[in-house]
C-alpha atoms as a PDB file:
ATOM      1  CA  MET A   1    -140.823 -66.336  -7.648  1.00  0.00           C
ATOM      2  CA  ARG A   2    -144.087 -68.101  -6.838  1.00  0.00           C
ATOM      3  CA  PHE A   3    -144.403 -69.629 -10.471  1.00  0.00           C
ATOM      4  CA  PHE A   4    -141.046 -71.614  -9.506  1.00  0.00           C
ATOM      5  CA  LYS A   5    -142.355 -72.964  -6.273  1.00  0.00           C
ATOM      6  CA  GLY A   6    -145.391 -74.165  -7.814  1.00  0.00           C
ATOM      7  CA  ARG A   7    -143.798 -75.538 -10.965  1.00  0.00           C
ATOM      8  CA  LYS A   8    -141.323 -77.242  -8.897  1.00  0.00           C
ATOM      9  CA  LYS A   9    -144.386 -78.811  -6.478  1.00  0.00           C
ATOM     10  CA  ASN A  10    -146.217 -79.514 -10.105  1.00  0.00           C
ATOM     11  CA  GLU A  11    -143.206 -81.461 -11.166  1.00  0.00           C
ATOM     12  CA  LYS A  12    -142.955 -83.586  -8.567  1.00  0.00           C
ATOM     13  CA  ARG A  13    -146.212 -84.336  -8.128  1.00  0.00           C
ATOM     14  CA  LEU A  14    -146.230 -85.331 -11.947  1.00  0.00           C
ATOM     15  CA  PHE A  15    -143.328 -87.247 -11.587  1.00  0.00           C
ATOM     16  CA  LEU A  16    -145.171 -89.236  -8.474  1.00  0.00           C
ATOM     17  CA  ILE A  17    -148.438 -89.783 -11.085  1.00  0.00           C
ATOM     18  CA  PHE A  18    -146.000 -90.450 -13.754  1.00  0.00           C
ATOM     19  CA  GLY A  19    -143.803 -92.956 -12.029  1.00  0.00           C
ATOM     20  CA  ILE A  20    -146.859 -94.861 -10.639  1.00  0.00           C
ATOM     21  CA  LEU A  21    -148.335 -94.998 -14.268  1.00  0.00           C
ATOM     22  CA  ASN A  22    -145.310 -96.508 -15.545  1.00  0.00           C
ATOM     23  CA  PHE A  23    -144.794 -98.727 -12.673  1.00  0.00           C
ATOM     24  CA  LEU A  24    -148.083-100.547 -13.576  1.00  0.00           C
ATOM     25  CA  VAL A  25    -147.454-100.806 -17.398  1.00  0.00           C
ATOM     26  CA  THR A  26    -143.963-102.206 -16.683  1.00  0.00           C
ATOM     27  CA  ASN A  27    -145.277-104.607 -14.084  1.00  0.00           C
ATOM     28  CA  PHE A  28    -148.200-106.235 -16.053  1.00  0.00           C
ATOM     29  CA  VAL A  29    -145.524-106.502 -19.082  1.00  0.00           C
ATOM     30  CA  LEU A  30    -143.541-108.191 -16.680  1.00  0.00           C
ATOM     31  CA  GLN A  31    -146.334-110.292 -15.530  1.00  0.00           C
ATOM     32  CA  ILE A  32    -147.513-111.660 -18.809  1.00  0.00           C
ATOM     33  CA  SER A  33    -144.277-112.063 -20.223  1.00  0.00           C
ATOM     34  CA  LEU A  34    -143.656-114.580 -17.001  1.00  0.00           C
ATOM     35  CA  LEU A  35    -145.827-116.724 -18.663  1.00  0.00           C
ATOM     36  CA  ILE A  36    -144.694-117.162 -21.386  1.00  0.00           C
ATOM     37  CA  LEU A  37    -141.071-116.486 -21.528  1.00  0.00           C
ATOM     38  CA  PRO A  38    -138.168-117.240 -19.824  1.00  0.00           C
ATOM     39  CA  ILE A  39    -137.230-114.902 -16.438  1.00  0.00           C
ATOM     40  CA  LEU A  40    -134.190-113.402 -18.297  1.00  0.00           C
ATOM     41  CA  ILE A  41    -136.182-112.217 -21.344  1.00  0.00           C
ATOM     42  CA  ALA A  42    -138.830-111.139 -19.410  1.00  0.00           C
ATOM     43  CA  THR A  43    -137.542-108.972 -17.253  1.00  0.00           C
ATOM     44  CA  ILE A  44    -135.254-107.599 -19.749  1.00  0.00           C
ATOM     45  CA  LEU A  45    -138.370-106.833 -22.112  1.00  0.00           C
ATOM     46  CA  SER A  46    -140.235-105.138 -18.903  1.00  0.00           C
ATOM     47  CA  GLN A  47    -137.000-102.908 -18.767  1.00  0.00           C
ATOM     48  CA  ILE A  48    -137.279-101.734 -21.900  1.00  0.00           C
ATOM     49  CA  VAL A  49    -140.502-101.068 -21.778  1.00  0.00           C
ATOM     50  CA  ASN A  50    -139.857 -99.283 -18.608  1.00  0.00           C
ATOM     51  CA  ALA A  51    -136.689 -97.377 -20.253  1.00  0.00           C
ATOM     52  CA  PHE A  52    -139.100 -96.292 -23.300  1.00  0.00           C
ATOM     53  CA  ILE A  53    -141.918 -95.475 -21.482  1.00  0.00           C
ATOM     54  CA  GLY A  54    -140.509 -93.096 -18.810  1.00  0.00           C
ATOM     55  CA  PHE A  55    -138.463 -91.460 -20.628  1.00  0.00           C
ATOM     56  CA  TYR A  56    -140.980 -90.038 -23.171  1.00  0.00           C
ATOM     57  CA  LEU A  57    -143.170 -89.285 -20.067  1.00  0.00           C
ATOM     58  CA  TYR A  58    -140.782 -88.016 -17.584  1.00  0.00           C
ATOM     59  CA  GLY A  59    -139.382 -85.745 -20.539  1.00  0.00           C
ATOM     60  CA  LYS A  60    -142.379 -84.225 -22.055  1.00  0.00           C
ATOM     61  CA  LYS A  61    -145.004 -84.225 -19.553  1.00  0.00           C
ATOM     62  CA  VAL A  62    -143.012 -84.053 -16.228  1.00  0.00           C
ATOM     63  CA  PHE A  63    -139.830 -81.587 -17.012  1.00  0.00           C
ATOM     64  CA  LYS A  64    -141.417 -80.286 -20.352  1.00  0.00           C
ATOM     65  CA  PHE A  65    -138.307 -81.194 -22.711  1.00  0.00           C
ATOM     66  CA  GLY A  66    -138.657 -80.082 -25.900  1.00  0.00           C
ATOM     67  CA  ARG A  67    -135.530 -82.072 -27.427  1.00  0.00           C
ATOM     68  CA  LEU A  68    -135.952 -85.620 -27.003  1.00  0.00           C
ATOM     69  CA  ASN A  69    -132.986 -87.020 -28.896  1.00  0.00           C
ATOM     70  CA  ILE A  70    -130.619 -90.086 -29.055  1.00  0.00           C
ATOM     71  CA  PHE A  71    -128.549 -87.805 -26.642  1.00  0.00           C
ATOM     72  CA  THR A  72    -130.629 -87.263 -23.932  1.00  0.00           C
ATOM     73  CA  PHE A  73    -132.004 -90.905 -23.875  1.00  0.00           C
ATOM     74  CA  LYS A  74    -128.179 -91.984 -23.618  1.00  0.00           C
ATOM     75  CA  LYS A  75    -128.482 -90.091 -20.619  1.00  0.00           C
ATOM     76  CA  TYR A  76    -131.601 -91.266 -19.293  1.00  0.00           C
ATOM     77  CA  ILE A  77    -130.124 -95.376 -19.995  1.00  0.00           C
ATOM     78  CA  LEU A  78    -127.229 -94.373 -17.741  1.00  0.00           C
ATOM     79  CA  LEU A  79    -128.989 -92.962 -15.286  1.00  0.00           C
ATOM     80  CA  ALA A  80    -131.453 -95.958 -15.148  1.00  0.00           C
ATOM     81  CA  LEU A  81    -128.105 -98.179 -15.205  1.00  0.00           C
ATOM     82  CA  SER A  82    -126.784 -96.598 -11.910  1.00  0.00           C
ATOM     83  CA  LEU A  83    -129.972 -96.781 -10.093  1.00  0.00           C
ATOM     84  CA  TRP A  84    -130.148-100.376 -10.966  1.00  0.00           C
ATOM     85  CA  ILE A  85    -126.709-101.167  -9.699  1.00  0.00           C
ATOM     86  CA  LEU A  86    -127.541 -98.775  -6.688  1.00  0.00           C
ATOM     87  CA  ASN A  87    -130.774-100.764  -6.075  1.00  0.00           C
ATOM     88  CA  TYR A  88    -128.657-104.221  -6.300  1.00  0.00           C
ATOM     89  CA  SER A  89    -125.777-103.329  -4.553  1.00  0.00           C
ATOM     90  CA  PHE A  90    -128.158-101.565  -1.419  1.00  0.00           C
ATOM     91  CA  ILE A  91    -130.356-104.692  -1.168  1.00  0.00           C
ATOM     92  CA  GLN A  92    -127.224-107.079  -1.127  1.00  0.00           C
ATOM     93  CA  SER A  93    -125.817-105.000   1.600  1.00  0.00           C
ATOM     94  CA  LEU A  94    -128.714-104.578   3.403  1.00  0.00           C
ATOM     95  CA  PHE A  95    -129.119-108.859   2.796  1.00  0.00           C
ATOM     96  CA  TYR A  96    -125.615-109.310   4.145  1.00  0.00           C
ATOM     97  CA  TYR A  97    -126.445-107.411   7.441  1.00  0.00           C
ATOM     98  CA  GLY A  98    -129.574-109.754   7.891  1.00  0.00           C
ATOM     99  CA  ILE A  99    -132.590-107.920   6.511  1.00  0.00           C
ATOM    100  CA  ASN A 100    -134.914-109.312   4.354  1.00  0.00           C
ATOM    101  CA  LYS A 101    -134.760-108.718   1.014  1.00  0.00           C
ATOM    102  CA  ASN A 102    -137.995-107.828   0.201  1.00  0.00           C
ATOM    103  CA  PHE A 103    -137.921-105.608   3.376  1.00  0.00           C
ATOM    104  CA  ALA A 104    -134.251-103.782   1.979  1.00  0.00           C
ATOM    105  CA  ALA A 105    -136.031-103.737  -1.189  1.00  0.00           C
ATOM    106  CA  LEU A 106    -138.856-101.350   0.046  1.00  0.00           C
ATOM    107  CA  ILE A 107    -136.824 -99.155   2.625  1.00  0.00           C
ATOM    108  CA  ILE A 108    -134.178 -98.062  -0.638  1.00  0.00           C
ATOM    109  CA  ILE A 109    -137.131 -97.100  -2.235  1.00  0.00           C
ATOM    110  CA  PRO A 110    -137.313 -93.262  -1.605  1.00  0.00           C
ATOM    111  CA  PHE A 111    -133.878 -93.031  -1.982  1.00  0.00           C
ATOM    112  CA  LEU A 112    -134.059 -94.274  -5.718  1.00  0.00           C
ATOM    113  CA  VAL A 113    -136.816 -92.278  -6.209  1.00  0.00           C
ATOM    114  CA  SER A 114    -135.716 -89.113  -5.065  1.00  0.00           C
ATOM    115  CA  ILE A 115    -132.196 -90.093  -6.932  1.00  0.00           C
ATOM    116  CA  SER A 116    -134.371 -90.214 -10.017  1.00  0.00           C
ATOM    117  CA  PHE A 117    -136.024 -87.471 -10.081  1.00  0.00           C
ATOM    118  CA  LEU A 118    -132.940 -85.104  -9.135  1.00  0.00           C
ATOM    119  CA  GLY A 119    -130.505 -86.770 -11.620  1.00  0.00           C
ATOM    120  CA  GLN A 120    -133.482 -86.657 -14.374  1.00  0.00           C
ATOM    121  CA  LYS A 121    -133.965 -82.936 -13.806  1.00  0.00           C
ATOM    122  CA  TYR A 122    -130.624 -81.897 -13.800  1.00  0.00           C
ATOM    123  CA  PHE A 123    -128.821 -84.846 -15.704  1.00  0.00           C
ATOM    124  CA  VAL A 124    -131.291 -85.853 -18.368  1.00  0.00           C
ATOM    125  CA  PHE A 125    -133.769 -83.317 -19.221  1.00  0.00           C
ATOM    126  CA  ASN A 126    -131.191 -79.893 -18.498  1.00  0.00           C
END
């Protein structure tokens, strides 16, 4: 039983560590792309990079999922799209009620990270 508790704690720690790494790489790609590409193309490119890096890091390094395939990738993309819609919806809703957009985006991060972790653990890499 102790092995499982340690493993779960390790998954959470690795998820945060690789999440930060993925954020840094994705943001680097975004910032460089914004210098030479239109905003729409730059953001799409950074999200594609984010998806591929995240899929590999979370699948192989965090959840130790041995069978990364197209079906699993489709589930990962479905989760990513769902999180994007939630993020957009919450920011819009909070902004409607007078909360600054940037502050609203910060408020929602822990919620989205939690959903992302649980969605990847129990839906994508299960």
